[in-house]
């Protein structure tokens, strides 16, 4: 039961952090407007794929998870 409780606490913390990130994400400068983010706009059609922003967020998450694993 202890492992279940610990897992639920970690999941709650992760969800809270994700909520804060999503709440402040519109105010993060340049995220979604970096070079390499694809944006195609035509009449009646809009396509947006933030490749560079996805890579940057992925690298940041990987770095945090690496640091957490080293501190254990």
PDB file of N, CA and C in Angstrom:
ATOM      1  N   UNK A   1       0.806  -1.191   0.000  1.00  0.00           N
ATOM      2  CA  UNK A   1       0.000   0.000   0.000  1.00  0.00           C
ATOM      3  C   UNK A   1       0.852   1.259   0.000  1.00  0.00           C
ATOM      4  N   UNK A   2       2.044   1.187   0.561  1.00  0.00           N
ATOM      5  CA  UNK A   2       2.902   2.363   0.588  1.00  0.00           C
ATOM      6  C   UNK A   2       3.301   2.785  -0.823  1.00  0.00           C
ATOM      7  N   UNK A   3       3.581   1.817  -1.681  1.00  0.00           N
ATOM      8  CA  UNK A   3       3.993   2.167  -3.043  1.00  0.00           C
ATOM      9  C   UNK A   3       2.837   2.801  -3.817  1.00  0.00           C
ATOM     10  N   UNK A   4       1.619   2.351  -3.558  1.00  0.00           N
ATOM     11  CA  UNK A   4       0.458   2.948  -4.222  1.00  0.00           C
ATOM     12  C   UNK A   4       0.275   4.393  -3.761  1.00  0.00           C
ATOM     13  N   UNK A   5       0.419   4.629  -2.480  1.00  0.00           N
ATOM     14  CA  UNK A   5       0.299   5.983  -1.959  1.00  0.00           C
ATOM     15  C   UNK A   5       1.364   6.908  -2.528  1.00  0.00           C
ATOM     16  N   UNK A   6       2.586   6.412  -2.606  1.00  0.00           N
ATOM     17  CA  UNK A   6       3.684   7.202  -3.163  1.00  0.00           C
ATOM     18  C   UNK A   6       3.435   7.498  -4.643  1.00  0.00           C
ATOM     19  N   UNK A   7       2.947   6.504  -5.364  1.00  0.00           N
ATOM     20  CA  UNK A   7       2.661   6.691  -6.786  1.00  0.00           C
ATOM     21  C   UNK A   7       1.565   7.734  -6.985  1.00  0.00           C
ATOM     22  N   UNK A   8       0.525   7.688  -6.165  1.00  0.00           N
ATOM     23  CA  UNK A   8      -0.548   8.669  -6.280  1.00  0.00           C
ATOM     24  C   UNK A   8      -0.066  10.070  -5.928  1.00  0.00           C
ATOM     25  N   UNK A   9       0.816  10.200  -4.941  1.00  0.00           N
ATOM     26  CA  UNK A   9       1.351  11.516  -4.589  1.00  0.00           C
ATOM     27  C   UNK A   9       2.207  12.074  -5.716  1.00  0.00           C
ATOM     28  N   UNK A  10       3.050  11.248  -6.316  1.00  0.00           N
ATOM     29  CA  UNK A  10       3.893  11.697  -7.427  1.00  0.00           C
ATOM     30  C   UNK A  10       3.028  12.081  -8.617  1.00  0.00           C
ATOM     31  N   UNK A  11       2.005  11.284  -8.902  1.00  0.00           N
ATOM     32  CA  UNK A  11       1.112  11.598 -10.018  1.00  0.00           C
ATOM     33  C   UNK A  11       0.389  12.922  -9.766  1.00  0.00           C
ATOM     34  N   UNK A  12      -0.024  13.174  -8.535  1.00  0.00           N
ATOM     35  CA  UNK A  12      -0.673  14.435  -8.198  1.00  0.00           C
ATOM     36  C   UNK A  12       0.250  15.626  -8.373  1.00  0.00           C
ATOM     37  N   UNK A  13       1.500  15.473  -7.955  1.00  0.00           N
ATOM     38  CA  UNK A  13       2.482  16.548  -8.110  1.00  0.00           C
ATOM     39  C   UNK A  13       2.745  16.816  -9.581  1.00  0.00           C
ATOM     40  N   UNK A  14       2.886  15.753 -10.363  1.00  0.00           N
ATOM     41  CA  UNK A  14       3.126  15.912 -11.801  1.00  0.00           C
ATOM     42  C   UNK A  14       1.948  16.623 -12.464  1.00  0.00           C
ATOM     43  N   UNK A  15       0.730  16.247 -12.106  1.00  0.00           N
ATOM     44  CA  UNK A  15      -0.445  16.900 -12.683  1.00  0.00           C
ATOM     45  C   UNK A  15      -0.527  18.370 -12.265  1.00  0.00           C
ATOM     46  N   UNK A  16      -0.169  18.671 -11.026  1.00  0.00           N
ATOM     47  CA  UNK A  16      -0.190  20.066 -10.571  1.00  0.00           C
ATOM     48  C   UNK A  16       0.842  20.896 -11.330  1.00  0.00           C
ATOM     49  N   UNK A  17       2.043  20.350 -11.508  1.00  0.00           N
ATOM     50  CA  UNK A  17       3.083  21.065 -12.255  1.00  0.00           C
ATOM     51  C   UNK A  17       2.660  21.248 -13.704  1.00  0.00           C
ATOM     52  N   UNK A  18       2.083  20.228 -14.297  1.00  0.00           N
ATOM     53  CA  UNK A  18       1.599  20.335 -15.678  1.00  0.00           C
ATOM     54  C   UNK A  18       0.507  21.397 -15.790  1.00  0.00           C
ATOM     55  N   UNK A  19      -0.373  21.474 -14.811  1.00  0.00           N
ATOM     56  CA  UNK A  19      -1.407  22.503 -14.810  1.00  0.00           C
ATOM     57  C   UNK A  19      -0.826  23.904 -14.746  1.00  0.00           C
ATOM     58  N   UNK A  20       0.185  24.092 -13.911  1.00  0.00           N
ATOM     59  CA  UNK A  20       0.837  25.406 -13.815  1.00  0.00           C
ATOM     60  C   UNK A  20       1.513  25.756 -15.132  1.00  0.00           C
ATOM     61  N   UNK A  21       2.194  24.788 -15.732  1.00  0.00           N
ATOM     62  CA  UNK A  21       2.871  25.041 -17.012  1.00  0.00           C
ATOM     63  C   UNK A  21       1.864  25.420 -18.088  1.00  0.00           C
ATOM     64  N   UNK A  22       0.749  24.715 -18.149  1.00  0.00           N
ATOM     65  CA  UNK A  22      -0.271  25.036 -19.147  1.00  0.00           C
ATOM     66  C   UNK A  22      -0.915  26.392 -18.867  1.00  0.00           C
ATOM     67  N   UNK A  23      -1.006  26.778 -17.605  1.00  0.00           N
ATOM     68  CA  UNK A  23      -1.599  28.062 -17.245  1.00  0.00           C
ATOM     69  C   UNK A  23      -0.713  29.230 -17.664  1.00  0.00           C
ATOM     70  N   UNK A  24       0.611  29.073 -17.511  1.00  0.00           N
ATOM     71  CA  UNK A  24       1.536  30.172 -17.834  1.00  0.00           C
ATOM     72  C   UNK A  24       2.118  30.058 -19.238  1.00  0.00           C
ATOM     73  N   UNK A  25       1.816  28.998 -19.961  1.00  0.00           N
ATOM     74  CA  UNK A  25       2.428  28.792 -21.274  1.00  0.00           C
ATOM     75  C   UNK A  25       2.138  29.898 -22.287  1.00  0.00           C
ATOM     76  N   UNK A  26       0.968  30.536 -22.288  1.00  0.00           N
ATOM     77  CA  UNK A  26       0.791  31.633 -23.260  1.00  0.00           C
ATOM     78  C   UNK A  26       1.736  32.801 -23.008  1.00  0.00           C
ATOM     79  N   UNK A  27       2.231  32.942 -21.788  1.00  0.00           N
ATOM     80  CA  UNK A  27       3.110  34.071 -21.494  1.00  0.00           C
ATOM     81  C   UNK A  27       4.585  33.732 -21.676  1.00  0.00           C
ATOM     82  N   UNK A  28       4.908  32.509 -22.074  1.00  0.00           N
ATOM     83  CA  UNK A  28       6.303  32.136 -22.328  1.00  0.00           C
ATOM     84  C   UNK A  28       6.693  32.715 -23.692  1.00  0.00           C
ATOM     85  N   UNK A  29       7.688  33.608 -23.721  1.00  0.00           N
ATOM     86  CA  UNK A  29       8.042  34.242 -25.000  1.00  0.00           C
ATOM     87  C   UNK A  29       8.707  33.251 -25.963  1.00  0.00           C
ATOM     88  N   UNK A  30       8.462  33.435 -27.213  1.00  0.00           N
ATOM     89  CA  UNK A  30       9.047  32.689 -28.326  1.00  0.00           C
ATOM     90  C   UNK A  30       8.582  31.244 -28.448  1.00  0.00           C
ATOM     91  N   UNK A  31       7.961  30.670 -27.437  1.00  0.00           N
ATOM     92  CA  UNK A  31       7.541  29.280 -27.555  1.00  0.00           C
ATOM     93  C   UNK A  31       6.424  29.200 -28.586  1.00  0.00           C
ATOM     94  N   UNK A  32       6.665  28.467 -29.652  1.00  0.00           N
ATOM     95  CA  UNK A  32       5.719  28.384 -30.752  1.00  0.00           C
ATOM     96  C   UNK A  32       6.042  29.338 -31.884  1.00  0.00           C
ATOM     97  N   UNK A  33       7.030  30.189 -31.694  1.00  0.00           N
ATOM     98  CA  UNK A  33       7.424  31.139 -32.742  1.00  0.00           C
ATOM     99  C   UNK A  33       8.905  31.026 -33.054  1.00  0.00           C
ATOM    100  N   UNK A  34       9.505  29.890 -32.763  1.00  0.00           N
ATOM    101  CA  UNK A  34      10.931  29.699 -33.003  1.00  0.00           C
ATOM    102  C   UNK A  34      11.196  29.373 -34.470  1.00  0.00           C
ATOM    103  N   UNK A  35      12.419  29.630 -34.943  1.00  0.00           N
ATOM    104  CA  UNK A  35      12.767  29.209 -36.306  1.00  0.00           C
ATOM    105  C   UNK A  35      12.651  27.681 -36.407  1.00  0.00           C
ATOM    106  N   UNK A  36      12.004  27.207 -37.405  1.00  0.00           N
ATOM    107  CA  UNK A  36      11.810  25.769 -37.564  1.00  0.00           C
ATOM    108  C   UNK A  36      10.392  25.339 -37.252  1.00  0.00           C
ATOM    109  N   UNK A  37       9.605  26.205 -36.618  1.00  0.00           N
ATOM    110  CA  UNK A  37       8.198  25.911 -36.394  1.00  0.00           C
ATOM    111  C   UNK A  37       7.455  26.165 -37.701  1.00  0.00           C
ATOM    112  N   UNK A  38       6.768  25.154 -38.184  1.00  0.00           N
ATOM    113  CA  UNK A  38       6.078  25.266 -39.471  1.00  0.00           C
ATOM    114  C   UNK A  38       4.733  25.952 -39.302  1.00  0.00           C
ATOM    115  N   UNK A  39       4.503  26.951 -40.132  1.00  0.00           N
ATOM    116  CA  UNK A  39       3.223  27.655 -40.139  1.00  0.00           C
ATOM    117  C   UNK A  39       2.851  27.926 -41.592  1.00  0.00           C
ATOM    118  N   UNK A  40       1.767  27.328 -42.030  1.00  0.00           N
ATOM    119  CA  UNK A  40       1.275  27.535 -43.389  1.00  0.00           C
ATOM    120  C   UNK A  40      -0.139  28.080 -43.283  1.00  0.00           C
ATOM    121  N   UNK A  41      -0.331  29.277 -43.787  1.00  0.00           N
ATOM    122  CA  UNK A  41      -1.650  29.900 -43.754  1.00  0.00           C
ATOM    123  C   UNK A  41      -2.066  30.275 -45.166  1.00  0.00           C
ATOM    124  N   UNK A  42      -3.206  29.774 -45.556  1.00  0.00           N
ATOM    125  CA  UNK A  42      -3.802  30.090 -46.852  1.00  0.00           C
ATOM    126  C   UNK A  42      -5.281  30.356 -46.629  1.00  0.00           C
ATOM    127  N   UNK A  43      -5.934  30.955 -47.569  1.00  0.00           N
ATOM    128  CA  UNK A  43      -7.377  31.188 -47.388  1.00  0.00           C
ATOM    129  C   UNK A  43      -8.126  29.869 -47.175  1.00  0.00           C
ATOM    130  N   UNK A  44      -8.784  29.768 -46.061  1.00  0.00           N
ATOM    131  CA  UNK A  44      -9.562  28.574 -45.757  1.00  0.00           C
ATOM    132  C   UNK A  44      -8.735  27.419 -45.215  1.00  0.00           C
ATOM    133  N   UNK A  45      -7.445  27.618 -44.992  1.00  0.00           N
ATOM    134  CA  UNK A  45      -6.580  26.531 -44.532  1.00  0.00           C
ATOM    135  C   UNK A  45      -5.491  27.092 -43.630  1.00  0.00           C
ATOM    136  N   UNK A  46      -5.294  26.461 -42.505  1.00  0.00           N
ATOM    137  CA  UNK A  46      -4.239  26.863 -41.592  1.00  0.00           C
ATOM    138  C   UNK A  46      -3.592  25.602 -41.014  1.00  0.00           C
ATOM    139  N   UNK A  47      -2.278  25.497 -41.167  1.00  0.00           N
ATOM    140  CA  UNK A  47      -1.523  24.353 -40.655  1.00  0.00           C
ATOM    141  C   UNK A  47      -0.381  24.879 -39.798  1.00  0.00           C
ATOM    142  N   UNK A  48      -0.253  24.340 -38.595  1.00  0.00           N
ATOM    143  CA  UNK A  48       0.789  24.782 -37.682  1.00  0.00           C
ATOM    144  C   UNK A  48       1.380  23.566 -36.994  1.00  0.00           C
ATOM    145  N   UNK A  49       2.701  23.401 -37.083  1.00  0.00           N
ATOM    146  CA  UNK A  49       3.391  22.298 -36.414  1.00  0.00           C
ATOM    147  C   UNK A  49       4.681  22.830 -35.806  1.00  0.00           C
ATOM    148  N   UNK A  50       4.738  22.964 -34.481  1.00  0.00           N
ATOM    149  CA  UNK A  50       5.901  23.559 -33.809  1.00  0.00           C
ATOM    150  C   UNK A  50       7.020  22.542 -33.585  1.00  0.00           C
ATOM    151  N   UNK A  51       7.764  22.199 -34.635  1.00  0.00           N
ATOM    152  CA  UNK A  51       8.816  21.191 -34.537  1.00  0.00           C
ATOM    153  C   UNK A  51       9.894  21.616 -33.540  1.00  0.00           C
ATOM    154  N   UNK A  52      10.425  22.813 -33.695  1.00  0.00           N
ATOM    155  CA  UNK A  52      11.513  23.274 -32.839  1.00  0.00           C
ATOM    156  C   UNK A  52      11.051  23.423 -31.394  1.00  0.00           C
ATOM    157  N   UNK A  53       9.869  23.940 -31.195  1.00  0.00           N
ATOM    158  CA  UNK A  53       9.350  24.086 -29.834  1.00  0.00           C
ATOM    159  C   UNK A  53       9.166  22.720 -29.178  1.00  0.00           C
ATOM    160  N   UNK A  54       8.698  21.744 -29.938  1.00  0.00           N
ATOM    161  CA  UNK A  54       8.546  20.385 -29.396  1.00  0.00           C
ATOM    162  C   UNK A  54       9.899  19.799 -28.999  1.00  0.00           C
ATOM    163  N   UNK A  55      10.902  20.012 -29.833  1.00  0.00           N
ATOM    164  CA  UNK A  55      12.234  19.505 -29.510  1.00  0.00           C
ATOM    165  C   UNK A  55      12.803  20.180 -28.263  1.00  0.00           C
ATOM    166  N   UNK A  56      12.571  21.471 -28.122  1.00  0.00           N
ATOM    167  CA  UNK A  56      13.054  22.206 -26.960  1.00  0.00           C
ATOM    168  C   UNK A  56      12.364  21.730 -25.684  1.00  0.00           C
ATOM    169  N   UNK A  57      11.067  21.552 -25.721  1.00  0.00           N
ATOM    170  CA  UNK A  57      10.327  21.070 -24.556  1.00  0.00           C
ATOM    171  C   UNK A  57      10.744  19.639 -24.218  1.00  0.00           C
ATOM    172  N   UNK A  58      10.938  18.811 -25.225  1.00  0.00           N
ATOM    173  CA  UNK A  58      11.373  17.438 -25.002  1.00  0.00           C
ATOM    174  C   UNK A  58      12.755  17.388 -24.350  1.00  0.00           C
ATOM    175  N   UNK A  59      13.670  18.231 -24.809  1.00  0.00           N
ATOM    176  CA  UNK A  59      15.005  18.277 -24.216  1.00  0.00           C
ATOM    177  C   UNK A  59      14.945  18.746 -22.766  1.00  0.00           C
ATOM    178  N   UNK A  60      14.090  19.711 -22.477  1.00  0.00           N
ATOM    179  CA  UNK A  60      13.955  20.202 -21.104  1.00  0.00           C
ATOM    180  C   UNK A  60      13.384  19.121 -20.186  1.00  0.00           C
ATOM    181  N   UNK A  61      12.367  18.421 -20.646  1.00  0.00           N
ATOM    182  CA  UNK A  61      11.773  17.350 -19.837  1.00  0.00           C
ATOM    183  C   UNK A  61      12.777  16.220 -19.640  1.00  0.00           C
ATOM    184  N   UNK A  62      13.508  15.863 -20.681  1.00  0.00           N
ATOM    185  CA  UNK A  62      14.528  14.815 -20.552  1.00  0.00           C
ATOM    186  C   UNK A  62      15.613  15.222 -19.565  1.00  0.00           C
ATOM    187  N   UNK A  63      16.016  16.487 -19.606  1.00  0.00           N
ATOM    188  CA  UNK A  63      17.028  16.968 -18.671  1.00  0.00           C
ATOM    189  C   UNK A  63      16.555  16.916 -17.231  1.00  0.00           C
ATOM    190  N   UNK A  64      15.309  17.309 -16.998  1.00  0.00           N
ATOM    191  CA  UNK A  64      14.759  17.261 -15.639  1.00  0.00           C
ATOM    192  C   UNK A  64      14.660  15.819 -15.154  1.00  0.00           C
ATOM    193  N   UNK A  65      14.173  14.923 -15.999  1.00  0.00           N
ATOM    194  CA  UNK A  65      14.076  13.515 -15.601  1.00  0.00           C
ATOM    195  C   UNK A  65      15.449  12.900 -15.371  1.00  0.00           C
ATOM    196  N   UNK A  66      16.442  13.268 -16.164  1.00  0.00           N
ATOM    197  CA  UNK A  66      17.813  12.786 -15.950  1.00  0.00           C
ATOM    198  C   UNK A  66      18.339  13.270 -14.604  1.00  0.00           C
ATOM    199  N   UNK A  67      18.092  14.546 -14.308  1.00  0.00           N
ATOM    200  CA  UNK A  67      18.564  15.106 -13.042  1.00  0.00           C
ATOM    201  C   UNK A  67      17.870  14.430 -11.855  1.00  0.00           C
ATOM    202  N   UNK A  68      16.587  14.164 -11.963  1.00  0.00           N
ATOM    203  CA  UNK A  68      15.854  13.482 -10.896  1.00  0.00           C
ATOM    204  C   UNK A  68      16.407  12.076 -10.702  1.00  0.00           C
ATOM    205  N   UNK A  69      16.732  11.370 -11.777  1.00  0.00           N
ATOM    206  CA  UNK A  69      17.256  10.009 -11.643  1.00  0.00           C
ATOM    207  C   UNK A  69      18.648  10.009 -11.024  1.00  0.00           C
ATOM    208  N   UNK A  70      19.436  11.054 -11.284  1.00  0.00           N
ATOM    209  CA  UNK A  70      20.783  11.132 -10.690  1.00  0.00           C
ATOM    210  C   UNK A  70      20.721  11.476  -9.205  1.00  0.00           C
ATOM    211  N   UNK A  71      19.698  12.207  -8.785  1.00  0.00           N
ATOM    212  CA  UNK A  71      19.566  12.595  -7.387  1.00  0.00           C
ATOM    213  C   UNK A  71      18.968  11.498  -6.515  1.00  0.00           C
ATOM    214  N   UNK A  72      18.458  10.457  -7.120  1.00  0.00           N
ATOM    215  CA  UNK A  72      17.882   9.352  -6.344  1.00  0.00           C
ATOM    216  C   UNK A  72      18.937   8.516  -5.792  1.00  0.00           C
TER     217      UNK A  72
END
